[in-house]
Amino acid sequence: MKTLISLLCVTSFALLAGCNTVKGMGQDLQKAGEKIENSVKK
């Protein structure tokens, strides 16, 4: 269980570091959602 929690923490920090900010992560998620929406419309 500790290994799973540690892995989730490391993954979360890596994602946040890649986006630099929480705002950046929100923008990335929004862009991904738009791409999914566009592919569904086609």
N, C-alpha and C. Protein backbone atom coordinates (compact mmCIF):
# COMPACT_ATOMS: atom_id res chain seq x y z
N MET A 1 0.82 -1.19 0.00
CA MET A 1 0.00 0.00 0.00
C MET A 1 0.87 1.26 0.00
N LYS A 2 1.94 1.24 0.77
CA LYS A 2 2.83 2.40 0.81
C LYS A 2 3.47 2.64 -0.56
N THR A 3 3.77 1.55 -1.26
CA THR A 3 4.37 1.67 -2.58
C THR A 3 3.41 2.34 -3.55
N LEU A 4 2.15 1.98 -3.49
CA LEU A 4 1.13 2.56 -4.37
C LEU A 4 0.98 4.06 -4.09
N ILE A 5 0.92 4.43 -2.84
CA ILE A 5 0.78 5.85 -2.48
C ILE A 5 2.01 6.63 -2.93
N SER A 6 3.18 6.05 -2.74
CA SER A 6 4.41 6.71 -3.18
C SER A 6 4.42 6.90 -4.68
N LEU A 7 4.00 5.90 -5.41
CA LEU A 7 3.96 5.98 -6.86
C LEU A 7 2.98 7.06 -7.32
N LEU A 8 1.83 7.14 -6.69
CA LEU A 8 0.85 8.18 -7.04
C LEU A 8 1.39 9.57 -6.75
N CYS A 9 2.09 9.74 -5.64
CA CYS A 9 2.68 11.04 -5.31
C CYS A 9 3.74 11.45 -6.32
N VAL A 10 4.61 10.53 -6.67
CA VAL A 10 5.66 10.83 -7.64
C VAL A 10 5.05 11.18 -8.99
N THR A 11 4.05 10.45 -9.41
CA THR A 11 3.38 10.73 -10.68
C THR A 11 2.73 12.10 -10.66
N SER A 12 2.06 12.43 -9.57
CA SER A 12 1.42 13.74 -9.45
C SER A 12 2.44 14.86 -9.52
N PHE A 13 3.55 14.72 -8.81
CA PHE A 13 4.58 15.75 -8.83
C PHE A 13 5.19 15.88 -10.22
N ALA A 14 5.36 14.78 -10.92
CA ALA A 14 5.92 14.83 -12.26
C ALA A 14 4.98 15.56 -13.22
N LEU A 15 3.69 15.31 -13.09
CA LEU A 15 2.72 16.00 -13.93
C LEU A 15 2.71 17.49 -13.65
N LEU A 16 2.72 17.84 -12.37
CA LEU A 16 2.71 19.26 -12.02
C LEU A 16 4.00 19.95 -12.46
N ALA A 17 5.11 19.28 -12.36
CA ALA A 17 6.39 19.86 -12.78
C ALA A 17 6.42 20.06 -14.29
N GLY A 18 5.80 19.14 -15.01
CA GLY A 18 5.74 19.25 -16.47
C GLY A 18 4.91 20.43 -16.92
N CYS A 19 3.89 20.76 -16.17
CA CYS A 19 3.02 21.88 -16.52
C CYS A 19 3.47 23.18 -15.87
N ASN A 20 4.37 23.10 -14.90
CA ASN A 20 4.90 24.23 -14.14
C ASN A 20 3.91 24.79 -13.13
N THR A 21 2.64 24.82 -13.45
CA THR A 21 1.64 25.35 -12.51
C THR A 21 0.36 24.56 -12.61
N VAL A 22 -0.49 24.73 -11.63
CA VAL A 22 -1.80 24.09 -11.68
C VAL A 22 -2.63 24.69 -12.81
N LYS A 23 -2.47 25.99 -13.04
CA LYS A 23 -3.18 26.65 -14.14
C LYS A 23 -2.78 26.03 -15.47
N GLY A 24 -1.50 25.78 -15.64
CA GLY A 24 -1.02 25.15 -16.87
C GLY A 24 -1.60 23.76 -17.05
N MET A 25 -1.71 23.02 -15.93
CA MET A 25 -2.30 21.69 -16.01
C MET A 25 -3.76 21.78 -16.43
N GLY A 26 -4.47 22.77 -15.91
CA GLY A 26 -5.86 22.97 -16.30
C GLY A 26 -6.00 23.27 -17.77
N GLN A 27 -5.09 24.07 -18.29
CA GLN A 27 -5.13 24.38 -19.71
C GLN A 27 -4.83 23.15 -20.55
N ASP A 28 -3.90 22.33 -20.11
CA ASP A 28 -3.59 21.09 -20.83
C ASP A 28 -4.79 20.16 -20.86
N LEU A 29 -5.48 20.05 -19.71
CA LEU A 29 -6.67 19.19 -19.66
C LEU A 29 -7.78 19.74 -20.55
N GLN A 30 -7.90 21.06 -20.61
CA GLN A 30 -8.92 21.66 -21.45
C GLN A 30 -8.64 21.38 -22.93
N LYS A 31 -7.38 21.50 -23.33
CA LYS A 31 -7.02 21.21 -24.72
C LYS A 31 -7.28 19.75 -25.07
N ALA A 32 -6.97 18.85 -24.13
CA ALA A 32 -7.22 17.43 -24.37
C ALA A 32 -8.71 17.17 -24.51
N GLY A 33 -9.51 17.83 -23.68
CA GLY A 33 -10.96 17.68 -23.77
C GLY A 33 -11.50 18.19 -25.10
N GLU A 34 -10.96 19.29 -25.57
CA GLU A 34 -11.39 19.84 -26.86
C GLU A 34 -11.06 18.88 -28.00
N LYS A 35 -9.89 18.26 -27.95
CA LYS A 35 -9.51 17.31 -29.00
C LYS A 35 -10.43 16.10 -28.99
N ILE A 36 -10.77 15.62 -27.80
CA ILE A 36 -11.68 14.48 -27.70
C ILE A 36 -13.05 14.86 -28.23
N GLU A 37 -13.51 16.06 -27.87
CA GLU A 37 -14.82 16.52 -28.34
C GLU A 37 -14.85 16.64 -29.84
N ASN A 38 -13.78 17.17 -30.44
CA ASN A 38 -13.72 17.31 -31.89
C ASN A 38 -13.70 15.95 -32.57
N SER A 39 -13.02 14.98 -32.00
CA SER A 39 -12.97 13.66 -32.64
C SER A 39 -14.31 12.96 -32.53
N VAL A 40 -15.08 13.23 -31.48
CA VAL A 40 -16.39 12.63 -31.34
C VAL A 40 -17.37 13.23 -32.34
N LYS A 41 -17.23 14.53 -32.62
CA LYS A 41 -18.12 15.21 -33.56
C LYS A 41 -17.93 14.70 -34.98
N LYS A 42 -16.71 14.23 -35.32
CA LYS A 42 -16.43 13.76 -36.67
C LYS A 42 -17.00 12.44 -36.89
